[in-house]
N, C-alpha and C. Protein backbone atom coordinates (compact mmCIF):
# COMPACT_ATOMS: atom_id res chain seq x y z
N MET A 1 -60.75 111.24 225.27
CA MET A 1 -60.46 109.82 224.94
C MET A 1 -59.87 109.80 223.51
N ALA A 2 -59.04 108.63 223.24
CA ALA A 2 -58.58 108.63 221.92
C ALA A 2 -59.44 107.89 220.79
N THR A 3 -59.90 108.67 219.69
CA THR A 3 -60.83 107.78 218.86
C THR A 3 -59.98 106.91 218.15
N PRO A 4 -60.89 106.10 217.41
CA PRO A 4 -60.23 105.00 216.57
C PRO A 4 -59.41 105.57 215.65
N ALA A 5 -59.57 106.58 214.98
CA ALA A 5 -58.22 107.22 214.17
C ALA A 5 -57.30 107.32 214.86
N SER A 6 -57.15 107.78 215.95
CA SER A 6 -56.01 108.22 216.62
C SER A 6 -55.48 107.12 217.31
N LEU A 7 -56.04 105.82 217.45
CA LEU A 7 -55.46 104.55 217.83
C LEU A 7 -54.58 104.19 216.59
N GLU A 8 -55.12 104.05 215.45
CA GLU A 8 -54.65 103.67 214.38
C GLU A 8 -53.52 104.58 213.78
N TYR A 9 -53.58 105.84 214.27
CA TYR A 9 -52.14 106.82 213.95
C TYR A 9 -50.96 106.14 214.92
N ALA A 10 -51.70 105.99 216.00
CA ALA A 10 -50.48 105.36 217.04
C ALA A 10 -49.90 104.17 216.80
N GLU A 11 -50.72 103.16 216.25
CA GLU A 11 -50.33 102.05 215.74
C GLU A 11 -49.34 102.28 214.54
N GLU A 12 -49.49 102.97 213.90
CA GLU A 12 -48.37 103.04 212.54
C GLU A 12 -47.49 104.20 212.53
N PHE A 13 -47.39 104.80 213.71
CA PHE A 13 -46.71 105.81 213.98
C PHE A 13 -44.81 105.69 213.74
N VAL A 14 -44.55 104.47 214.23
CA VAL A 14 -43.13 103.69 213.85
C VAL A 14 -43.44 102.72 213.12
N PRO A 15 -43.21 102.84 211.82
CA PRO A 15 -43.64 101.52 211.03
C PRO A 15 -42.63 100.58 210.78
N GLU A 16 -43.21 99.41 210.26
CA GLU A 16 -42.10 98.24 209.89
C GLU A 16 -41.31 98.49 208.74
N ASP A 17 -40.05 97.88 208.79
CA ASP A 17 -39.27 97.66 207.92
C ASP A 17 -39.55 96.54 206.74
N ASP A 18 -39.26 96.25 205.98
CA ASP A 18 -39.22 95.15 204.99
C ASP A 18 -39.00 93.93 205.60
N ILE A 19 -37.95 94.03 206.28
CA ILE A 19 -37.65 92.54 207.23
C ILE A 19 -38.76 92.35 207.98
N LEU A 20 -39.01 93.09 208.79
CA LEU A 20 -40.57 93.10 209.67
C LEU A 20 -41.38 92.34 208.98
N ARG A 21 -41.89 93.24 207.94
CA ARG A 21 -42.96 92.97 206.97
C ARG A 21 -42.76 91.58 206.42
N THR A 22 -41.80 91.01 206.24
CA THR A 22 -41.81 89.83 205.72
C THR A 22 -41.77 88.53 206.95
N ALA A 23 -41.32 89.06 208.05
CA ALA A 23 -41.37 88.15 208.89
C ALA A 23 -42.71 88.03 209.56
N ARG A 24 -43.55 89.12 209.50
CA ARG A 24 -45.13 88.99 209.70
C ARG A 24 -45.83 88.07 208.71
N ARG A 25 -45.46 88.48 207.37
CA ARG A 25 -45.86 87.53 206.43
C ARG A 25 -45.60 86.31 206.89
N ARG A 26 -44.55 85.54 206.97
CA ARG A 26 -44.28 84.19 207.26
C ARG A 26 -45.11 83.64 208.51
N GLY A 27 -45.17 84.55 209.62
CA GLY A 27 -45.71 84.25 210.82
C GLY A 27 -47.48 83.93 210.42
N ILE A 28 -48.14 84.79 209.85
CA ILE A 28 -49.42 84.47 209.62
C ILE A 28 -49.62 83.41 208.55
N GLU A 29 -48.66 83.27 207.65
CA GLU A 29 -48.75 82.08 206.84
C GLU A 29 -48.83 80.46 207.61
N VAL A 30 -48.06 80.62 208.87
CA VAL A 30 -48.05 79.45 209.84
C VAL A 30 -48.74 79.37 210.97
N GLY A 31 -49.55 80.67 210.96
CA GLY A 31 -50.71 80.73 212.07
C GLY A 31 -50.26 81.16 213.41
N ALA A 32 -49.00 81.91 213.24
CA ALA A 32 -47.94 82.52 214.55
C ALA A 32 -48.49 84.06 214.43
N ARG A 33 -49.37 84.35 214.84
CA ARG A 33 -50.05 85.85 215.16
C ARG A 33 -49.11 86.59 215.28
N PRO A 34 -48.41 87.55 214.60
CA PRO A 34 -47.37 88.57 215.26
C PRO A 34 -48.09 89.53 216.03
N ILE A 35 -47.31 90.50 217.06
CA ILE A 35 -47.79 91.61 217.49
C ILE A 35 -47.63 92.68 216.20
N LEU A 36 -48.73 93.67 216.71
CA LEU A 36 -48.60 94.71 215.66
C LEU A 36 -47.58 95.80 215.71
N PRO A 37 -47.23 96.75 214.92
CA PRO A 37 -46.48 97.38 214.84
C PRO A 37 -45.93 98.58 216.25
N GLY A 38 -47.44 98.78 216.60
CA GLY A 38 -47.54 99.71 217.78
C GLY A 38 -46.91 98.95 218.98
N CYS A 39 -47.09 97.48 218.98
CA CYS A 39 -47.14 96.80 220.08
C CYS A 39 -45.30 96.72 220.36
N GLY A 40 -44.60 96.55 218.82
CA GLY A 40 -43.54 96.12 218.67
C GLY A 40 -42.57 97.19 218.89
N ALA A 41 -43.30 98.73 218.54
CA ALA A 41 -42.32 99.90 218.67
C ALA A 41 -42.38 100.08 220.49
N ALA A 42 -43.55 99.58 221.26
CA ALA A 42 -43.40 99.88 222.71
C ALA A 42 -42.48 98.83 223.27
N LEU A 43 -42.16 97.60 222.54
CA LEU A 43 -41.21 96.91 223.25
C LEU A 43 -39.77 97.46 223.02
N CYS A 44 -39.43 97.73 221.86
CA CYS A 44 -38.39 98.31 221.47
C CYS A 44 -37.97 99.61 222.24
N PHE A 45 -38.87 100.31 222.51
CA PHE A 45 -38.87 101.41 223.45
C PHE A 45 -38.25 101.01 225.02
N LEU A 46 -39.40 99.97 225.49
CA LEU A 46 -38.98 99.60 226.94
C LEU A 46 -37.62 98.74 227.11
N ALA A 47 -37.36 98.07 225.69
CA ALA A 47 -35.81 97.75 225.94
C ALA A 47 -34.91 98.79 226.38
N THR A 48 -35.00 99.87 225.41
CA THR A 48 -34.02 100.84 225.41
C THR A 48 -33.84 101.41 226.71
N VAL A 49 -34.99 101.79 227.22
CA VAL A 49 -35.46 102.55 228.60
C VAL A 49 -34.88 101.86 229.88
N VAL A 50 -34.91 100.57 229.75
CA VAL A 50 -34.23 99.72 230.87
C VAL A 50 -32.77 99.23 230.45
N ASN A 51 -32.21 99.57 229.28
CA ASN A 51 -30.89 99.65 228.92
C ASN A 51 -30.82 97.97 229.09
N ALA A 52 -31.74 97.21 228.47
CA ALA A 52 -31.82 95.67 228.64
C ALA A 52 -30.43 95.19 228.02
N ARG A 53 -29.95 94.28 228.95
CA ARG A 53 -28.72 93.53 228.15
C ARG A 53 -29.24 91.94 227.98
N SER A 54 -30.35 91.45 229.11
CA SER A 54 -30.98 90.14 229.10
C SER A 54 -32.23 90.21 229.03
N VAL A 55 -32.98 89.78 228.20
CA VAL A 55 -34.32 89.44 227.85
C VAL A 55 -34.85 88.26 227.74
N VAL A 56 -35.88 87.88 228.26
CA VAL A 56 -36.71 86.54 228.17
C VAL A 56 -37.84 86.89 227.28
N GLU A 57 -38.03 86.06 226.00
CA GLU A 57 -39.37 86.06 225.42
C GLU A 57 -40.06 84.79 225.46
N VAL A 58 -41.35 84.82 226.08
CA VAL A 58 -42.11 83.47 225.82
C VAL A 58 -43.13 83.53 224.91
N GLY A 59 -42.65 82.89 223.69
CA GLY A 59 -43.72 82.71 222.19
C GLY A 59 -42.83 83.28 221.56
N THR A 60 -41.63 82.62 220.81
CA THR A 60 -41.02 83.07 219.89
C THR A 60 -41.92 83.62 218.45
N GLY A 61 -42.59 82.84 217.74
CA GLY A 61 -43.33 82.90 216.83
C GLY A 61 -42.27 83.15 215.81
N CYS A 62 -42.44 83.72 214.82
CA CYS A 62 -41.71 83.86 213.61
C CYS A 62 -40.50 84.92 213.81
N GLY A 63 -40.28 85.73 214.87
CA GLY A 63 -39.33 86.83 215.09
C GLY A 63 -39.86 88.34 215.06
N VAL A 64 -40.92 88.56 214.98
CA VAL A 64 -41.12 89.87 214.58
C VAL A 64 -41.08 90.66 216.06
N SER A 65 -41.74 89.89 217.38
CA SER A 65 -41.41 90.71 218.53
C SER A 65 -39.87 90.57 218.99
N GLY A 66 -39.26 89.51 218.55
CA GLY A 66 -37.79 89.30 219.03
C GLY A 66 -36.84 90.22 218.30
N LEU A 67 -37.40 90.64 217.40
CA LEU A 67 -36.62 91.71 216.68
C LEU A 67 -36.44 92.85 217.11
N TRP A 68 -37.95 93.30 217.42
CA TRP A 68 -38.09 94.56 218.15
C TRP A 68 -37.29 94.50 219.14
N LEU A 69 -37.55 93.57 219.85
CA LEU A 69 -36.67 93.61 221.39
C LEU A 69 -35.21 93.88 221.24
N LEU A 70 -34.79 93.21 220.14
CA LEU A 70 -33.41 93.00 219.78
C LEU A 70 -32.77 94.51 219.35
N ARG A 71 -33.88 95.38 218.50
CA ARG A 71 -33.32 96.70 218.09
C ARG A 71 -33.18 97.38 219.32
N GLY A 72 -34.06 97.31 220.60
CA GLY A 72 -33.93 98.19 221.59
C GLY A 72 -33.06 97.54 222.69
N MET A 73 -32.46 96.74 222.51
CA MET A 73 -31.26 96.27 223.61
C MET A 73 -30.09 96.71 223.40
N ARG A 74 -29.33 96.68 224.24
CA ARG A 74 -27.72 96.74 224.30
C ARG A 74 -27.05 96.02 223.18
N PRO A 75 -25.94 96.98 222.59
CA PRO A 75 -25.35 95.84 221.27
C PRO A 75 -24.92 94.66 221.95
N ASP A 76 -24.42 94.47 223.41
CA ASP A 76 -23.57 93.37 223.81
C ASP A 76 -24.99 92.39 224.27
N GLY A 77 -26.43 92.78 224.13
CA GLY A 77 -27.48 92.19 224.58
C GLY A 77 -27.85 90.67 224.06
N THR A 78 -28.40 89.68 224.65
CA THR A 78 -28.84 88.45 224.60
C THR A 78 -30.43 88.28 224.97
N LEU A 79 -31.07 87.92 224.02
CA LEU A 79 -32.17 87.31 223.90
C LEU A 79 -32.54 86.17 224.07
N THR A 80 -33.06 85.49 225.30
CA THR A 80 -33.65 84.27 225.17
C THR A 80 -35.04 83.89 224.64
N SER A 81 -35.27 83.28 223.69
CA SER A 81 -36.66 83.11 223.37
C SER A 81 -37.04 81.67 223.35
N VAL A 82 -38.49 81.48 223.98
CA VAL A 82 -38.58 79.87 224.11
C VAL A 82 -39.92 79.78 223.25
N ASP A 83 -40.21 78.70 222.89
CA ASP A 83 -41.27 78.24 222.02
C ASP A 83 -41.29 76.79 221.99
N VAL A 84 -42.57 76.30 221.71
CA VAL A 84 -42.80 74.68 221.61
C VAL A 84 -42.81 74.44 220.24
N GLU A 85 -42.67 75.32 219.24
CA GLU A 85 -42.85 74.85 217.63
C GLU A 85 -41.23 75.03 217.08
N PRO A 86 -40.84 74.24 216.90
CA PRO A 86 -39.08 74.11 216.15
C PRO A 86 -39.15 75.09 214.93
N GLU A 87 -40.29 74.84 213.98
CA GLU A 87 -40.30 75.54 212.64
C GLU A 87 -40.43 77.07 213.14
N HIS A 88 -41.00 77.56 213.93
CA HIS A 88 -41.32 78.96 214.00
C HIS A 88 -39.97 79.34 214.80
N GLN A 89 -39.43 78.69 215.30
CA GLN A 89 -37.69 79.16 215.78
C GLN A 89 -36.93 79.02 214.52
N ARG A 90 -37.35 78.28 213.80
CA ARG A 90 -36.17 78.36 212.52
C ARG A 90 -36.52 79.37 211.94
N MET A 91 -37.78 79.86 211.69
CA MET A 91 -37.95 81.14 210.75
C MET A 91 -37.62 82.32 211.43
N ALA A 92 -37.79 82.59 212.83
CA ALA A 92 -37.40 83.24 213.58
C ALA A 92 -36.06 83.74 213.67
N ARG A 93 -35.13 82.39 213.64
CA ARG A 93 -33.51 83.00 213.47
C ARG A 93 -33.19 83.20 212.03
N GLN A 94 -33.76 82.81 211.19
CA GLN A 94 -33.75 83.58 209.57
C GLN A 94 -34.22 85.10 209.78
N THR A 95 -35.02 85.37 210.30
CA THR A 95 -35.34 86.61 210.56
C THR A 95 -34.25 87.62 211.20
N PHE A 96 -34.17 87.22 212.41
CA PHE A 96 -32.63 87.79 213.03
C PHE A 96 -31.41 87.86 212.17
N ALA A 97 -31.47 86.65 211.42
CA ALA A 97 -30.13 86.90 210.57
C ALA A 97 -30.29 87.77 209.40
N GLU A 98 -31.22 87.88 208.90
CA GLU A 98 -31.61 88.78 207.89
C GLU A 98 -31.53 90.36 208.35
N ALA A 99 -31.97 90.65 209.68
CA ALA A 99 -31.48 91.72 210.12
C ALA A 99 -30.19 92.25 210.37
N GLY A 100 -29.39 90.94 210.52
CA GLY A 100 -27.69 91.64 210.70
C GLY A 100 -27.27 91.23 212.31
N PHE A 101 -28.13 90.32 212.80
CA PHE A 101 -27.90 89.98 214.38
C PHE A 101 -27.44 88.56 214.27
N SER A 102 -26.23 88.45 214.81
CA SER A 102 -25.25 87.09 215.03
C SER A 102 -26.20 86.31 215.85
N GLY A 103 -25.60 84.92 215.60
CA GLY A 103 -26.20 84.15 216.62
C GLY A 103 -25.98 84.06 217.97
N SER A 104 -24.62 84.65 218.31
CA SER A 104 -24.53 84.93 219.60
C SER A 104 -25.18 85.49 220.64
N ARG A 105 -26.26 86.52 219.92
CA ARG A 105 -26.94 87.19 220.57
C ARG A 105 -28.62 86.72 220.99
N ILE A 106 -28.48 85.45 220.33
CA ILE A 106 -29.85 84.87 220.40
C ILE A 106 -29.73 83.44 221.08
N ARG A 107 -30.37 83.44 222.11
CA ARG A 107 -30.49 81.96 222.66
C ARG A 107 -32.08 81.45 222.26
N LEU A 108 -32.29 80.36 221.69
CA LEU A 108 -33.63 79.96 221.40
C LEU A 108 -33.81 78.60 221.86
N ILE A 109 -34.77 78.50 222.65
CA ILE A 109 -34.89 77.15 223.42
C ILE A 109 -36.44 76.67 223.13
N GLY A 110 -36.26 75.23 222.73
CA GLY A 110 -37.66 74.68 222.35
C GLY A 110 -38.03 74.12 223.76
N GLY A 111 -39.23 73.95 223.65
CA GLY A 111 -40.26 73.52 224.81
C GLY A 111 -41.30 74.64 225.35
N ARG A 112 -42.21 73.83 226.32
CA ARG A 112 -43.07 74.55 227.14
C ARG A 112 -42.29 75.58 228.02
N ALA A 113 -42.86 76.75 228.05
CA ALA A 113 -42.16 77.80 228.70
C ALA A 113 -42.27 77.31 230.17
N LEU A 114 -43.19 76.71 230.79
CA LEU A 114 -43.18 76.30 232.43
C LEU A 114 -42.41 75.06 232.72
N ASP A 115 -41.84 74.89 231.72
CA ASP A 115 -40.52 73.48 231.69
C ASP A 115 -39.42 74.49 231.69
N VAL A 116 -39.37 75.35 230.65
CA VAL A 116 -37.97 76.39 230.62
C VAL A 116 -37.54 77.11 231.82
N LEU A 117 -38.73 78.03 231.80
CA LEU A 117 -38.66 79.18 232.83
C LEU A 117 -37.72 78.97 234.15
N PRO A 118 -38.35 77.81 234.91
CA PRO A 118 -37.97 77.58 236.28
C PRO A 118 -36.51 77.37 236.18
N ARG A 119 -35.51 76.87 234.82
CA ARG A 119 -34.19 76.74 234.94
C ARG A 119 -33.41 78.18 234.58
N LEU A 120 -33.89 79.25 234.38
CA LEU A 120 -33.52 80.40 234.20
C LEU A 120 -33.00 81.14 235.71
N ALA A 121 -32.24 82.29 235.84
CA ALA A 121 -31.53 82.58 236.88
C ALA A 121 -32.60 83.64 237.39
N ASP A 122 -32.71 83.61 238.89
CA ASP A 122 -33.25 84.53 239.72
C ASP A 122 -32.63 85.91 239.35
N GLY A 123 -33.25 86.74 239.14
CA GLY A 123 -33.00 88.22 239.29
C GLY A 123 -31.95 88.26 238.17
N GLY A 124 -32.04 87.73 236.84
CA GLY A 124 -30.81 87.58 236.06
C GLY A 124 -31.22 88.72 234.78
N TYR A 125 -32.37 89.04 234.67
CA TYR A 125 -33.00 89.57 233.39
C TYR A 125 -33.82 90.91 233.59
N ASP A 126 -33.70 91.65 232.04
CA ASP A 126 -33.93 93.15 232.37
C ASP A 126 -35.31 93.39 232.01
N LEU A 127 -35.82 92.46 231.13
CA LEU A 127 -37.23 92.41 230.86
C LEU A 127 -37.64 90.85 230.04
N VAL A 128 -38.92 90.79 230.60
CA VAL A 128 -39.57 89.43 230.07
C VAL A 128 -40.92 89.80 229.34
N PHE A 129 -41.01 89.38 228.31
CA PHE A 129 -41.82 89.53 227.10
C PHE A 129 -42.66 88.02 227.14
N CYS A 130 -44.20 88.18 227.49
CA CYS A 130 -44.86 87.01 227.43
C CYS A 130 -46.32 87.08 226.65
N ASP A 131 -45.99 86.19 225.34
CA ASP A 131 -47.12 86.29 224.40
C ASP A 131 -47.36 84.77 223.73
N ALA A 132 -48.04 84.00 224.41
CA ALA A 132 -48.06 82.83 224.57
C ALA A 132 -49.39 82.09 225.03
N ALA A 133 -49.32 80.77 225.81
CA ALA A 133 -50.75 80.49 226.19
C ALA A 133 -51.30 81.17 227.14
N LYS A 134 -52.16 81.73 226.82
CA LYS A 134 -53.03 82.62 227.74
C LYS A 134 -53.29 82.23 229.17
N GLN A 135 -53.68 80.95 229.15
CA GLN A 135 -54.13 80.44 230.38
C GLN A 135 -53.01 79.83 231.28
N GLU A 136 -51.86 80.48 230.73
CA GLU A 136 -50.63 80.17 231.56
C GLU A 136 -50.15 81.27 232.04
N TYR A 137 -50.70 82.43 231.67
CA TYR A 137 -50.41 83.84 231.88
C TYR A 137 -49.70 84.20 233.56
N ILE A 138 -50.46 83.31 234.25
CA ILE A 138 -50.44 83.69 235.77
C ILE A 138 -49.48 83.01 236.29
N ASP A 139 -49.00 81.99 235.73
CA ASP A 139 -47.75 81.17 236.33
C ASP A 139 -46.63 82.10 235.55
N TYR A 140 -46.73 82.53 234.40
CA TYR A 140 -45.77 83.33 233.74
C TYR A 140 -45.31 84.28 234.56
N LEU A 141 -46.10 84.87 235.09
CA LEU A 141 -46.33 86.06 235.96
C LEU A 141 -45.44 85.81 236.91
N THR A 142 -45.57 84.90 237.59
CA THR A 142 -44.73 84.26 239.00
C THR A 142 -43.45 84.12 238.50
N GLU A 143 -43.00 83.08 237.51
CA GLU A 143 -41.96 83.44 236.87
C GLU A 143 -40.95 84.40 236.62
N SER A 144 -41.83 85.61 235.93
CA SER A 144 -41.22 86.71 235.48
C SER A 144 -40.80 87.65 236.69
N VAL A 145 -41.40 87.67 237.76
CA VAL A 145 -41.25 88.50 239.06
C VAL A 145 -39.85 87.84 239.65
N ARG A 146 -39.80 86.22 239.57
CA ARG A 146 -38.86 85.65 240.14
C ARG A 146 -37.49 86.22 239.08
N LEU A 147 -37.60 86.23 238.11
CA LEU A 147 -36.74 86.48 236.68
C LEU A 147 -36.05 87.89 236.76
N LEU A 148 -36.95 88.80 237.33
CA LEU A 148 -36.49 90.02 236.81
C LEU A 148 -35.67 90.94 238.21
N ARG A 149 -34.75 91.43 237.52
CA ARG A 149 -34.31 92.28 238.51
C ARG A 149 -34.98 93.47 238.95
N GLN A 150 -34.66 94.31 240.06
CA GLN A 150 -35.29 95.22 240.59
C GLN A 150 -35.25 96.44 239.61
N GLY A 151 -36.18 97.02 238.91
CA GLY A 151 -36.31 97.93 237.97
C GLY A 151 -36.74 97.26 236.50
N GLY A 152 -36.58 95.87 236.44
CA GLY A 152 -36.77 95.10 235.24
C GLY A 152 -38.26 95.32 235.23
N VAL A 153 -38.64 94.95 233.74
CA VAL A 153 -40.07 95.25 233.41
C VAL A 153 -40.82 93.58 232.88
N VAL A 154 -42.13 93.67 233.04
CA VAL A 154 -42.73 92.39 232.41
C VAL A 154 -43.67 92.94 231.77
N VAL A 155 -44.06 92.35 230.47
CA VAL A 155 -45.09 92.79 229.63
C VAL A 155 -45.71 91.45 228.99
N PHE A 156 -46.99 91.53 228.90
CA PHE A 156 -47.85 90.47 228.33
C PHE A 156 -48.76 91.08 227.39
N GLY A 157 -48.44 90.32 226.11
CA GLY A 157 -49.20 90.78 224.94
C GLY A 157 -50.83 90.22 225.18
N ASP A 158 -51.55 90.77 224.05
CA ASP A 158 -52.98 90.20 223.88
C ASP A 158 -53.54 90.46 225.18
N ALA A 159 -53.50 91.67 225.94
CA ALA A 159 -53.97 91.57 227.34
C ALA A 159 -55.19 92.17 227.15
N PHE A 160 -56.01 92.63 225.90
CA PHE A 160 -57.59 92.93 225.76
C PHE A 160 -57.92 91.56 225.34
N CYS A 161 -57.23 90.54 224.85
CA CYS A 161 -57.82 89.35 224.31
C CYS A 161 -59.04 89.56 223.74
N GLY A 162 -58.57 90.15 222.55
CA GLY A 162 -59.52 90.46 221.22
C GLY A 162 -60.98 91.29 221.98
N ASP A 163 -60.63 92.37 222.80
CA ASP A 163 -61.62 93.21 223.23
C ASP A 163 -62.74 92.53 224.27
N GLN A 164 -62.27 91.35 224.65
CA GLN A 164 -63.45 90.53 225.74
C GLN A 164 -63.12 90.77 226.96
N VAL A 165 -61.67 91.27 227.46
CA VAL A 165 -61.58 91.32 228.91
C VAL A 165 -62.57 92.55 229.53
N ALA A 166 -62.83 93.56 228.93
CA ALA A 166 -63.33 94.75 229.42
C ALA A 166 -64.99 94.28 229.75
N ASP A 167 -65.41 93.20 229.03
CA ASP A 167 -66.67 92.87 228.95
C ASP A 167 -66.77 91.64 230.43
N PRO A 168 -67.85 91.93 231.18
CA PRO A 168 -67.80 91.18 232.12
C PRO A 168 -68.66 89.61 231.79
N THR A 169 -69.33 90.00 230.99
CA THR A 169 -70.29 88.73 230.51
C THR A 169 -69.40 87.55 229.82
N GLN A 170 -68.15 88.04 229.12
CA GLN A 170 -66.96 87.22 228.59
C GLN A 170 -66.43 86.27 229.36
N ARG A 171 -67.00 85.07 229.77
CA ARG A 171 -66.29 84.10 230.38
C ARG A 171 -65.47 82.94 229.68
N ASP A 172 -65.00 82.98 228.63
CA ASP A 172 -64.05 81.81 228.34
C ASP A 172 -62.88 81.68 229.10
N PRO A 173 -61.95 80.60 228.98
CA PRO A 173 -61.04 80.36 230.00
C PRO A 173 -59.74 81.34 229.59
N ASP A 174 -59.50 81.62 228.23
CA ASP A 174 -58.56 82.49 228.06
C ASP A 174 -58.93 83.90 228.74
N THR A 175 -60.14 84.71 228.81
CA THR A 175 -60.33 85.96 228.85
C THR A 175 -60.62 85.93 230.54
N VAL A 176 -60.87 84.97 230.89
CA VAL A 176 -60.88 84.92 232.49
C VAL A 176 -59.29 84.83 233.47
N ALA A 177 -58.40 84.20 232.56
CA ALA A 177 -57.11 83.96 233.10
C ALA A 177 -56.39 85.51 232.94
N ILE A 178 -56.72 85.96 231.63
CA ILE A 178 -55.95 87.38 231.28
C ILE A 178 -56.59 88.61 232.36
N ARG A 179 -57.89 88.30 232.62
CA ARG A 179 -58.80 88.97 233.50
C ARG A 179 -58.30 89.18 235.21
N GLU A 180 -57.77 87.98 235.31
CA GLU A 180 -57.56 87.63 236.58
C GLU A 180 -56.13 88.10 236.90
N LEU A 181 -55.05 88.13 235.47
CA LEU A 181 -53.75 88.72 235.30
C LEU A 181 -53.91 89.91 235.61
N GLY A 182 -54.53 90.49 235.42
CA GLY A 182 -54.48 91.88 235.48
C GLY A 182 -54.89 92.63 236.70
N LYS A 183 -56.09 91.75 237.71
CA LYS A 183 -55.97 91.94 238.86
C LYS A 183 -54.81 91.85 239.72
N LEU A 184 -54.27 90.66 239.27
CA LEU A 184 -52.93 90.34 240.32
C LEU A 184 -51.97 91.42 240.18
N VAL A 185 -51.76 91.90 238.78
CA VAL A 185 -50.64 92.98 238.34
C VAL A 185 -50.98 94.17 239.32
N ARG A 186 -52.12 94.48 239.08
CA ARG A 186 -52.56 95.61 239.95
C ARG A 186 -52.38 95.88 241.20
N ASN A 187 -52.86 94.26 241.89
CA ASN A 187 -52.62 94.50 243.36
C ASN A 187 -51.29 94.11 243.87
N ASP A 188 -50.30 94.00 243.16
CA ASP A 188 -49.17 93.27 243.59
C ASP A 188 -48.34 94.68 244.08
N GLU A 189 -47.81 94.84 245.37
CA GLU A 189 -47.00 95.66 245.81
C GLU A 189 -45.69 95.66 245.36
N ARG A 190 -45.42 94.84 244.68
CA ARG A 190 -44.14 94.79 244.26
C ARG A 190 -43.94 94.99 242.95
N LEU A 191 -45.10 95.51 242.39
CA LEU A 191 -45.17 96.09 240.83
C LEU A 191 -45.91 97.21 240.65
N ARG A 192 -45.24 98.12 239.82
CA ARG A 192 -46.19 99.37 239.17
C ARG A 192 -46.79 99.03 237.69
N PRO A 193 -47.96 98.96 237.77
CA PRO A 193 -48.53 98.51 236.42
C PRO A 193 -48.88 99.70 235.48
N LEU A 194 -49.25 99.12 234.21
CA LEU A 194 -49.43 100.00 233.13
C LEU A 194 -50.22 99.11 231.97
N MET A 195 -51.52 99.58 231.99
CA MET A 195 -52.00 99.14 230.36
C MET A 195 -52.21 100.14 229.29
N LEU A 196 -51.47 99.34 227.80
CA LEU A 196 -51.13 100.37 226.86
C LEU A 196 -51.86 99.92 226.09
N PRO A 197 -53.10 100.89 225.42
CA PRO A 197 -54.30 100.38 224.30
C PRO A 197 -53.42 100.10 222.86
N LEU A 198 -52.31 99.32 222.78
CA LEU A 198 -51.74 99.30 221.63
C LEU A 198 -52.05 97.88 221.26
N GLY A 199 -52.37 97.71 219.66
CA GLY A 199 -52.59 96.42 219.29
C GLY A 199 -53.80 95.50 220.14
N SER A 200 -53.50 94.39 220.41
CA SER A 200 -54.61 94.08 221.33
C SER A 200 -54.38 93.94 222.83
N GLY A 201 -53.64 95.34 223.18
CA GLY A 201 -53.41 95.62 224.41
C GLY A 201 -51.73 94.84 224.78
N LEU A 202 -51.16 95.76 225.80
CA LEU A 202 -50.23 95.45 226.58
C LEU A 202 -50.39 95.39 227.88
N LEU A 203 -50.16 94.73 228.73
CA LEU A 203 -49.84 94.94 230.19
C LEU A 203 -48.52 94.97 230.78
N ALA A 204 -48.03 96.15 231.35
CA ALA A 204 -46.71 96.04 231.54
C ALA A 204 -46.53 96.47 232.90
N ALA A 205 -45.74 95.88 233.68
CA ALA A 205 -45.34 96.45 235.10
C ALA A 205 -44.02 96.42 235.28
N VAL A 206 -43.28 97.37 236.17
CA VAL A 206 -41.94 97.58 236.60
C VAL A 206 -42.06 96.83 237.87
N ARG A 207 -41.09 95.95 238.24
CA ARG A 207 -40.55 95.31 239.33
C ARG A 207 -39.87 96.51 240.56
N LEU A 208 -40.73 96.79 241.36
CA LEU A 208 -40.25 97.77 242.29
C LEU A 208 -39.13 97.14 243.47
N ALA A 209 -39.42 95.80 243.91
CA ALA A 209 -38.79 95.10 244.68
C ALA A 209 -38.65 93.94 244.87
């Protein structure tokens, strides 16, 4: 079993550059908690593995996760990112520009994810990353399975919910929702699941059919 030191080593194995560190600082300042570097590296890796051309991100934040995704995508790929906070998206756009990504590769949509996702095309996406309202994660799963092509990947951030998911005595609404999400993903015959112990947890699944 991995020790805390080993987990810390894994988290920092692929370090952030100055652009990501600046974006992280912006996010912390405005209360948009970014994913940790290990999670970002995993997103970049997964986007590369699936040769992602079309990616959906639920929860733009200030651009940390989006930049990791863009760096793993094909050069002609497009990131569609949804967030309810216009100021967060403005800062994310700044982050993407600083990293050299043209506006044509990024589609930022303001609004609630459950209002936006139903308008996106069935089977039109290679990867969906969800890191927003935890109590809506189960609904995001439903939409993600519809959006993904066969062989596409869905990923949920904060899958440990601050280390509470593994403790059955924890019954707050966010923890219960994420615990139920895990059961649904694990038992869905259309999906092949994986839990990654990076950051506060990444729950991933490949759409088989």
